[in-house]
Amino acid sequence: MAEGTARAAPVTEGFLMRTGRTYQEQGNIHQAIYVYFNVIDRHAGTKEAQEASDRLLKIAQEYEQNGQLYMAKHLYQRIEDAMGL
């Protein structure tokens, strides 16, 4: 059983990242943010968690560039909290 569980995580991580990217590409940013934080929370320390963090940071930077400063600040803070910074 443990062996099956060990294999399930990479499949789930990949699925979540594909889902997040799809949401982001479709302009469903809030859904993408939710998925990316799910990856960070559930799969900390993986390359997918780092990619999710990078994607969240890019979204926050886009908010900042577009003058959505509250959203940018809020997202930056959530990223720091999720990553334990």
PDB file of N, CA and C in Angstrom:
ATOM      1  N   MET A   1       0.817  -1.203   0.000  1.00  0.00           N
ATOM      2  CA  MET A   1       0.000   0.000   0.000  1.00  0.00           C
ATOM      3  C   MET A   1       0.859   1.264   0.000  1.00  0.00           C
ATOM      4  N   ALA A   2       1.921   1.268   0.790  1.00  0.00           N
ATOM      5  CA  ALA A   2       2.795   2.435   0.837  1.00  0.00           C
ATOM      6  C   ALA A   2       3.412   2.699  -0.528  1.00  0.00           C
ATOM      7  N   GLU A   3       3.732   1.632  -1.248  1.00  0.00           N
ATOM      8  CA  GLU A   3       4.313   1.798  -2.572  1.00  0.00           C
ATOM      9  C   GLU A   3       3.342   2.513  -3.506  1.00  0.00           C
ATOM     10  N   GLY A   4       2.068   2.150  -3.477  1.00  0.00           N
ATOM     11  CA  GLY A   4       1.052   2.805  -4.296  1.00  0.00           C
ATOM     12  C   GLY A   4       0.895   4.266  -3.927  1.00  0.00           C
ATOM     13  N   THR A   5       0.972   4.570  -2.645  1.00  0.00           N
ATOM     14  CA  THR A   5       0.865   5.948  -2.182  1.00  0.00           C
ATOM     15  C   THR A   5       2.051   6.758  -2.665  1.00  0.00           C
ATOM     16  N   ALA A   6       3.241   6.170  -2.624  1.00  0.00           N
ATOM     17  CA  ALA A   6       4.433   6.883  -3.052  1.00  0.00           C
ATOM     18  C   ALA A   6       4.336   7.278  -4.524  1.00  0.00           C
ATOM     19  N   ARG A   7       3.728   6.438  -5.341  1.00  0.00           N
ATOM     20  CA  ARG A   7       3.590   6.750  -6.769  1.00  0.00           C
ATOM     21  C   ARG A   7       2.486   7.772  -7.016  1.00  0.00           C
ATOM     22  N   ALA A   8       1.511   7.853  -6.136  1.00  0.00           N
ATOM     23  CA  ALA A   8       0.354   8.730  -6.360  1.00  0.00           C
ATOM     24  C   ALA A   8       0.728  10.203  -6.307  1.00  0.00           C
ATOM     25  N   ALA A   9       1.663  10.574  -5.450  1.00  0.00           N
ATOM     26  CA  ALA A   9       1.999  11.986  -5.277  1.00  0.00           C
ATOM     27  C   ALA A   9       2.495  12.625  -6.572  1.00  0.00           C
ATOM     28  N   PRO A  10       3.479  12.019  -7.298  1.00  0.00           N
ATOM     29  CA  PRO A  10       3.925  12.669  -8.531  1.00  0.00           C
ATOM     30  C   PRO A  10       2.813  12.823  -9.567  1.00  0.00           C
ATOM     31  N   VAL A  11       1.927  11.847  -9.650  1.00  0.00           N
ATOM     32  CA  VAL A  11       0.803  11.946 -10.585  1.00  0.00           C
ATOM     33  C   VAL A  11      -0.089  13.110 -10.182  1.00  0.00           C
ATOM     34  N   THR A  12      -0.389  13.217  -8.906  1.00  0.00           N
ATOM     35  CA  THR A  12      -1.231  14.306  -8.407  1.00  0.00           C
ATOM     36  C   THR A  12      -0.553  15.652  -8.632  1.00  0.00           C
ATOM     37  N   GLU A  13       0.726  15.737  -8.310  1.00  0.00           N
ATOM     38  CA  GLU A  13       1.458  16.996  -8.507  1.00  0.00           C
ATOM     39  C   GLU A  13       1.388  17.435  -9.966  1.00  0.00           C
ATOM     40  N   GLY A  14       1.650  16.504 -10.872  1.00  0.00           N
ATOM     41  CA  GLY A  14       1.614  16.822 -12.296  1.00  0.00           C
ATOM     42  C   GLY A  14       0.233  17.261 -12.745  1.00  0.00           C
ATOM     43  N   PHE A  15      -0.785  16.542 -12.276  1.00  0.00           N
ATOM     44  CA  PHE A  15      -2.161  16.904 -12.623  1.00  0.00           C
ATOM     45  C   PHE A  15      -2.491  18.307 -12.123  1.00  0.00           C
ATOM     46  N   LEU A  16      -2.146  18.590 -10.877  1.00  0.00           N
ATOM     47  CA  LEU A  16      -2.446  19.912 -10.316  1.00  0.00           C
ATOM     48  C   LEU A  16      -1.724  21.017 -11.087  1.00  0.00           C
ATOM     49  N   MET A  17      -0.469  20.780 -11.443  1.00  0.00           N
ATOM     50  CA  MET A  17       0.264  21.807 -12.183  1.00  0.00           C
ATOM     51  C   MET A  17      -0.338  22.005 -13.580  1.00  0.00           C
ATOM     52  N   ARG A  18      -0.721  20.939 -14.242  1.00  0.00           N
ATOM     53  CA  ARG A  18      -1.375  21.080 -15.557  1.00  0.00           C
ATOM     54  C   ARG A  18      -2.682  21.851 -15.415  1.00  0.00           C
ATOM     55  N   THR A  19      -3.424  21.542 -14.364  1.00  0.00           N
ATOM     56  CA  THR A  19      -4.690  22.232 -14.115  1.00  0.00           C
ATOM     57  C   THR A  19      -4.450  23.715 -13.860  1.00  0.00           C
ATOM     58  N   GLY A  20      -3.479  24.029 -13.022  1.00  0.00           N
ATOM     59  CA  GLY A  20      -3.153  25.425 -12.728  1.00  0.00           C
ATOM     60  C   GLY A  20      -2.729  26.189 -13.969  1.00  0.00           C
ATOM     61  N   ARG A  21      -1.886  25.579 -14.782  1.00  0.00           N
ATOM     62  CA  ARG A  21      -1.440  26.232 -16.021  1.00  0.00           C
ATOM     63  C   ARG A  21      -2.619  26.465 -16.965  1.00  0.00           C
ATOM     64  N   THR A  22      -3.501  25.477 -17.059  1.00  0.00           N
ATOM     65  CA  THR A  22      -4.681  25.629 -17.922  1.00  0.00           C
ATOM     66  C   THR A  22      -5.540  26.788 -17.443  1.00  0.00           C
ATOM     67  N   TYR A  23      -5.819  26.820 -16.145  1.00  0.00           N
ATOM     68  CA  TYR A  23      -6.596  27.946 -15.602  1.00  0.00           C
ATOM     69  C   TYR A  23      -5.917  29.273 -15.918  1.00  0.00           C
ATOM     70  N   GLN A  24      -4.614  29.322 -15.699  1.00  0.00           N
ATOM     71  CA  GLN A  24      -3.878  30.570 -15.917  1.00  0.00           C
ATOM     72  C   GLN A  24      -3.947  30.981 -17.392  1.00  0.00           C
ATOM     73  N   GLU A  25      -3.750  30.047 -18.289  1.00  0.00           N
ATOM     74  CA  GLU A  25      -3.804  30.347 -19.726  1.00  0.00           C
ATOM     75  C   GLU A  25      -5.184  30.810 -20.160  1.00  0.00           C
ATOM     76  N   GLN A  26      -6.230  30.303 -19.490  1.00  0.00           N
ATOM     77  CA  GLN A  26      -7.606  30.689 -19.827  1.00  0.00           C
ATOM     78  C   GLN A  26      -8.018  32.000 -19.158  1.00  0.00           C
ATOM     79  N   GLY A  27      -7.135  32.563 -18.339  1.00  0.00           N
ATOM     80  CA  GLY A  27      -7.440  33.801 -17.647  1.00  0.00           C
ATOM     81  C   GLY A  27      -8.200  33.609 -16.350  1.00  0.00           C
ATOM     82  N   ASN A  28      -8.325  32.370 -15.897  1.00  0.00           N
ATOM     83  CA  ASN A  28      -8.986  32.074 -14.626  1.00  0.00           C
ATOM     84  C   ASN A  28      -7.944  32.124 -13.505  1.00  0.00           C
ATOM     85  N   ILE A  29      -7.478  33.335 -13.237  1.00  0.00           N
ATOM     86  CA  ILE A  29      -6.332  33.533 -12.346  1.00  0.00           C
ATOM     87  C   ILE A  29      -6.625  33.094 -10.921  1.00  0.00           C
ATOM     88  N   HIS A  30      -7.807  33.389 -10.415  1.00  0.00           N
ATOM     89  CA  HIS A  30      -8.124  33.010  -9.032  1.00  0.00           C
ATOM     90  C   HIS A  30      -8.120  31.496  -8.860  1.00  0.00           C
ATOM     91  N   GLN A  31      -8.608  30.774  -9.845  1.00  0.00           N
ATOM     92  CA  GLN A  31      -8.590  29.319  -9.772  1.00  0.00           C
ATOM     93  C   GLN A  31      -7.156  28.801  -9.847  1.00  0.00           C
ATOM     94  N   ALA A  32      -6.338  29.410 -10.702  1.00  0.00           N
ATOM     95  CA  ALA A  32      -4.934  29.023 -10.813  1.00  0.00           C
ATOM     96  C   ALA A  32      -4.211  29.260  -9.488  1.00  0.00           C
ATOM     97  N   ILE A  33      -4.460  30.400  -8.868  1.00  0.00           N
ATOM     98  CA  ILE A  33      -3.828  30.714  -7.583  1.00  0.00           C
ATOM     99  C   ILE A  33      -4.189  29.646  -6.553  1.00  0.00           C
ATOM    100  N   TYR A  34      -5.462  29.287  -6.490  1.00  0.00           N
ATOM    101  CA  TYR A  34      -5.906  28.261  -5.546  1.00  0.00           C
ATOM    102  C   TYR A  34      -5.165  26.949  -5.770  1.00  0.00           C
ATOM    103  N   VAL A  35      -5.060  26.532  -7.025  1.00  0.00           N
ATOM    104  CA  VAL A  35      -4.385  25.270  -7.348  1.00  0.00           C
ATOM    105  C   VAL A  35      -2.904  25.351  -6.990  1.00  0.00           C
ATOM    106  N   TYR A  36      -2.252  26.447  -7.331  1.00  0.00           N
ATOM    107  CA  TYR A  36      -0.822  26.567  -7.037  1.00  0.00           C
ATOM    108  C   TYR A  36      -0.553  26.519  -5.532  1.00  0.00           C
ATOM    109  N   PHE A  37      -1.387  27.173  -4.739  1.00  0.00           N
ATOM    110  CA  PHE A  37      -1.199  27.093  -3.287  1.00  0.00           C
ATOM    111  C   PHE A  37      -1.460  25.672  -2.783  1.00  0.00           C
ATOM    112  N   ASN A  38      -2.383  24.971  -3.419  1.00  0.00           N
ATOM    113  CA  ASN A  38      -2.643  23.576  -3.057  1.00  0.00           C
ATOM    114  C   ASN A  38      -1.392  22.739  -3.284  1.00  0.00           C
ATOM    115  N   VAL A  39      -0.707  22.965  -4.384  1.00  0.00           N
ATOM    116  CA  VAL A  39       0.531  22.233  -4.677  1.00  0.00           C
ATOM    117  C   VAL A  39       1.577  22.536  -3.607  1.00  0.00           C
ATOM    118  N   ILE A  40       1.738  23.805  -3.271  1.00  0.00           N
ATOM    119  CA  ILE A  40       2.739  24.185  -2.268  1.00  0.00           C
ATOM    120  C   ILE A  40       2.415  23.558  -0.919  1.00  0.00           C
ATOM    121  N   ASP A  41       1.147  23.612  -0.529  1.00  0.00           N
ATOM    122  CA  ASP A  41       0.736  23.079   0.774  1.00  0.00           C
ATOM    123  C   ASP A  41       0.877  21.568   0.861  1.00  0.00           C
ATOM    124  N   ARG A  42       0.494  20.881  -0.187  1.00  0.00           N
ATOM    125  CA  ARG A  42       0.446  19.415  -0.142  1.00  0.00           C
ATOM    126  C   ARG A  42       1.724  18.728  -0.605  1.00  0.00           C
ATOM    127  N   HIS A  43       2.550  19.448  -1.364  1.00  0.00           N
ATOM    128  CA  HIS A  43       3.735  18.813  -1.947  1.00  0.00           C
ATOM    129  C   HIS A  43       4.976  19.683  -1.753  1.00  0.00           C
ATOM    130  N   ALA A  44       5.115  20.252  -0.555  1.00  0.00           N
ATOM    131  CA  ALA A  44       6.253  21.124  -0.241  1.00  0.00           C
ATOM    132  C   ALA A  44       7.572  20.406  -0.519  1.00  0.00           C
ATOM    133  N   GLY A  45       8.531  21.171  -1.010  1.00  0.00           N
ATOM    134  CA  GLY A  45       9.852  20.629  -1.252  1.00  0.00           C
ATOM    135  C   GLY A  45      10.034  19.944  -2.599  1.00  0.00           C
ATOM    136  N   THR A  46       8.991  19.902  -3.404  1.00  0.00           N
ATOM    137  CA  THR A  46       9.098  19.270  -4.720  1.00  0.00           C
ATOM    138  C   THR A  46       9.382  20.326  -5.779  1.00  0.00           C
ATOM    139  N   LYS A  47       9.810  19.863  -6.950  1.00  0.00           N
ATOM    140  CA  LYS A  47      10.033  20.805  -8.051  1.00  0.00           C
ATOM    141  C   LYS A  47       8.720  21.460  -8.469  1.00  0.00           C
ATOM    142  N   GLU A  48       7.612  20.720  -8.322  1.00  0.00           N
ATOM    143  CA  GLU A  48       6.299  21.290  -8.658  1.00  0.00           C
ATOM    144  C   GLU A  48       5.937  22.424  -7.693  1.00  0.00           C
ATOM    145  N   ALA A  49       6.257  22.258  -6.426  1.00  0.00           N
ATOM    146  CA  ALA A  49       5.989  23.320  -5.454  1.00  0.00           C
ATOM    147  C   ALA A  49       6.805  24.565  -5.789  1.00  0.00           C
ATOM    148  N   GLN A  50       8.041  24.375  -6.232  1.00  0.00           N
ATOM    149  CA  GLN A  50       8.868  25.518  -6.628  1.00  0.00           C
ATOM    150  C   GLN A  50       8.295  26.185  -7.879  1.00  0.00           C
ATOM    151  N   GLU A  51       7.853  25.373  -8.838  1.00  0.00           N
ATOM    152  CA  GLU A  51       7.238  25.937 -10.042  1.00  0.00           C
ATOM    153  C   GLU A  51       5.960  26.697  -9.683  1.00  0.00           C
ATOM    154  N   ALA A  52       5.158  26.128  -8.787  1.00  0.00           N
ATOM    155  CA  ALA A  52       3.928  26.799  -8.351  1.00  0.00           C
ATOM    156  C   ALA A  52       4.264  28.136  -7.706  1.00  0.00           C
ATOM    157  N   SER A  53       5.290  28.153  -6.869  1.00  0.00           N
ATOM    158  CA  SER A  53       5.721  29.401  -6.222  1.00  0.00           C
ATOM    159  C   SER A  53       6.177  30.418  -7.265  1.00  0.00           C
ATOM    160  N   ASP A  54       6.935  29.973  -8.253  1.00  0.00           N
ATOM    161  CA  ASP A  54       7.398  30.868  -9.323  1.00  0.00           C
ATOM    162  C   ASP A  54       6.224  31.451 -10.101  1.00  0.00           C
ATOM    163  N   ARG A  55       5.230  30.613 -10.371  1.00  0.00           N
ATOM    164  CA  ARG A  55       4.050  31.078 -11.111  1.00  0.00           C
ATOM    165  C   ARG A  55       3.236  32.076 -10.282  1.00  0.00           C
ATOM    166  N   LEU A  56       3.118  31.812  -8.984  1.00  0.00           N
ATOM    167  CA  LEU A  56       2.419  32.747  -8.099  1.00  0.00           C
ATOM    168  C   LEU A  56       3.149  34.083  -8.041  1.00  0.00           C
ATOM    169  N   LEU A  57       4.467  34.030  -7.976  1.00  0.00           N
ATOM    170  CA  LEU A  57       5.252  35.261  -7.946  1.00  0.00           C
ATOM    171  C   LEU A  57       5.033  36.063  -9.230  1.00  0.00           C
ATOM    172  N   LYS A  58       4.984  35.381 -10.369  1.00  0.00           N
ATOM    173  CA  LYS A  58       4.735  36.067 -11.641  1.00  0.00           C
ATOM    174  C   LYS A  58       3.348  36.712 -11.655  1.00  0.00           C
ATOM    175  N   ILE A  59       2.359  36.020 -11.125  1.00  0.00           N
ATOM    176  CA  ILE A  59       1.006  36.586 -11.049  1.00  0.00           C
ATOM    177  C   ILE A  59       1.015  37.826 -10.163  1.00  0.00           C
ATOM    178  N   ALA A  60       1.699  37.759  -9.022  1.00  0.00           N
ATOM    179  CA  ALA A  60       1.780  38.905  -8.110  1.00  0.00           C
ATOM    180  C   ALA A  60       2.463  40.086  -8.801  1.00  0.00           C
ATOM    181  N   GLN A  61       3.522  39.817  -9.552  1.00  0.00           N
ATOM    182  CA  GLN A  61       4.224  40.879 -10.275  1.00  0.00           C
ATOM    183  C   GLN A  61       3.323  41.508 -11.336  1.00  0.00           C
ATOM    184  N   GLU A  62       2.511  40.694 -11.988  1.00  0.00           N
ATOM    185  CA  GLU A  62       1.567  41.220 -12.978  1.00  0.00           C
ATOM    186  C   GLU A  62       0.526  42.109 -12.305  1.00  0.00           C
ATOM    187  N   TYR A  63       0.029  41.686 -11.137  1.00  0.00           N
ATOM    188  CA  TYR A  63      -0.902  42.541 -10.388  1.00  0.00           C
ATOM    189  C   TYR A  63      -0.237  43.881 -10.084  1.00  0.00           C
ATOM    190  N   GLU A  64       1.010  43.820  -9.635  1.00  0.00           N
ATOM    191  CA  GLU A  64       1.725  45.051  -9.278  1.00  0.00           C
ATOM    192  C   GLU A  64       1.894  45.955 -10.507  1.00  0.00           C
ATOM    193  N   GLN A  65       2.305  45.392 -11.623  1.00  0.00           N
ATOM    194  CA  GLN A  65       2.502  46.167 -12.851  1.00  0.00           C
ATOM    195  C   GLN A  65       1.201  46.778 -13.355  1.00  0.00           C
ATOM    196  N   ASN A  66       0.080  46.102 -13.084  1.00  0.00           N
ATOM    197  CA  ASN A  66      -1.221  46.598 -13.523  1.00  0.00           C
ATOM    198  C   ASN A  66      -1.863  47.543 -12.512  1.00  0.00           C
ATOM    199  N   GLY A  67      -1.122  47.887 -11.469  1.00  0.00           N
ATOM    200  CA  GLY A  67      -1.626  48.828 -10.474  1.00  0.00           C
ATOM    201  C   GLY A  67      -2.570  48.212  -9.461  1.00  0.00           C
ATOM    202  N   GLN A  68      -2.685  46.902  -9.451  1.00  0.00           N
ATOM    203  CA  GLN A  68      -3.541  46.216  -8.476  1.00  0.00           C
ATOM    204  C   GLN A  68      -2.686  45.905  -7.240  1.00  0.00           C
ATOM    205  N   LEU A  69      -2.334  46.969  -6.537  1.00  0.00           N
ATOM    206  CA  LEU A  69      -1.349  46.874  -5.473  1.00  0.00           C
ATOM    207  C   LEU A  69      -1.836  46.060  -4.274  1.00  0.00           C
ATOM    208  N   TYR A  70      -3.104  46.172  -3.929  1.00  0.00           N
ATOM    209  CA  TYR A  70      -3.621  45.374  -2.813  1.00  0.00           C
ATOM    210  C   TYR A  70      -3.506  43.888  -3.127  1.00  0.00           C
ATOM    211  N   MET A  71      -3.917  43.502  -4.332  1.00  0.00           N
ATOM    212  CA  MET A  71      -3.842  42.096  -4.727  1.00  0.00           C
ATOM    213  C   MET A  71      -2.392  41.617  -4.750  1.00  0.00           C
ATOM    214  N   ALA A  72      -1.495  42.455  -5.256  1.00  0.00           N
ATOM    215  CA  ALA A  72      -0.074  42.093  -5.307  1.00  0.00           C
ATOM    216  C   ALA A  72       0.465  41.879  -3.897  1.00  0.00           C
ATOM    217  N   LYS A  73       0.194  42.823  -3.005  1.00  0.00           N
ATOM    218  CA  LYS A  73       0.690  42.719  -1.622  1.00  0.00           C
ATOM    219  C   LYS A  73       0.138  41.477  -0.944  1.00  0.00           C
ATOM    220  N   HIS A  74      -1.138  41.253  -1.109  1.00  0.00           N
ATOM    221  CA  HIS A  74      -1.783  40.098  -0.491  1.00  0.00           C
ATOM    222  C   HIS A  74      -1.155  38.792  -1.009  1.00  0.00           C
ATOM    223  N   LEU A  75      -0.935  38.717  -2.296  1.00  0.00           N
ATOM    224  CA  LEU A  75      -0.371  37.509  -2.893  1.00  0.00           C
ATOM    225  C   LEU A  75       1.083  37.325  -2.464  1.00  0.00           C
ATOM    226  N   TYR A  76       1.870  38.415  -2.448  1.00  0.00           N
ATOM    227  CA  TYR A  76       3.261  38.317  -1.972  1.00  0.00           C
ATOM    228  C   TYR A  76       3.297  37.767  -0.539  1.00  0.00           C
ATOM    229  N   GLN A  77       2.416  38.283   0.320  1.00  0.00           N
ATOM    230  CA  GLN A  77       2.383  37.821   1.703  1.00  0.00           C
ATOM    231  C   GLN A  77       1.990  36.346   1.797  1.00  0.00           C
ATOM    232  N   ARG A  78       1.002  35.935   1.017  1.00  0.00           N
ATOM    233  CA  ARG A  78       0.584  34.519   1.022  1.00  0.00           C
ATOM    234  C   ARG A  78       1.688  33.612   0.523  1.00  0.00           C
ATOM    235  N   ILE A  79       2.439  34.066  -0.476  1.00  0.00           N
ATOM    236  CA  ILE A  79       3.560  33.267  -0.979  1.00  0.00           C
ATOM    237  C   ILE A  79       4.606  33.099   0.119  1.00  0.00           C
ATOM    238  N   GLU A  80       4.941  34.188   0.792  1.00  0.00           N
ATOM    239  CA  GLU A  80       5.921  34.119   1.873  1.00  0.00           C
ATOM    240  C   GLU A  80       5.455  33.184   2.969  1.00  0.00           C
ATOM    241  N   ASP A  81       4.205  33.285   3.350  1.00  0.00           N
ATOM    242  CA  ASP A  81       3.660  32.419   4.399  1.00  0.00           C
ATOM    243  C   ASP A  81       3.695  30.947   3.969  1.00  0.00           C
ATOM    244  N   ALA A  82       3.302  30.687   2.740  1.00  0.00           N
ATOM    245  CA  ALA A  82       3.246  29.308   2.250  1.00  0.00           C
ATOM    246  C   ALA A  82       4.637  28.695   2.142  1.00  0.00           C
ATOM    247  N   MET A  83       5.623  29.512   1.804  1.00  0.00           N
ATOM    248  CA  MET A  83       6.974  29.014   1.641  1.00  0.00           C
ATOM    249  C   MET A  83       7.770  29.053   2.950  1.00  0.00           C
ATOM    250  N   GLY A  84       7.144  29.561   4.008  1.00  0.00           N
ATOM    251  CA  GLY A  84       7.819  29.627   5.300  1.00  0.00           C
ATOM    252  C   GLY A  84       8.911  30.668   5.371  1.00  0.00           C
ATOM    253  N   LEU A  85       8.726  31.766   4.670  1.00  0.00           N
ATOM    254  CA  LEU A  85       9.749  32.833   4.661  1.00  0.00           C
ATOM    255  C   LEU A  85       9.466  33.882   5.703  1.00  0.00           C
TER     256      LEU A  85
END
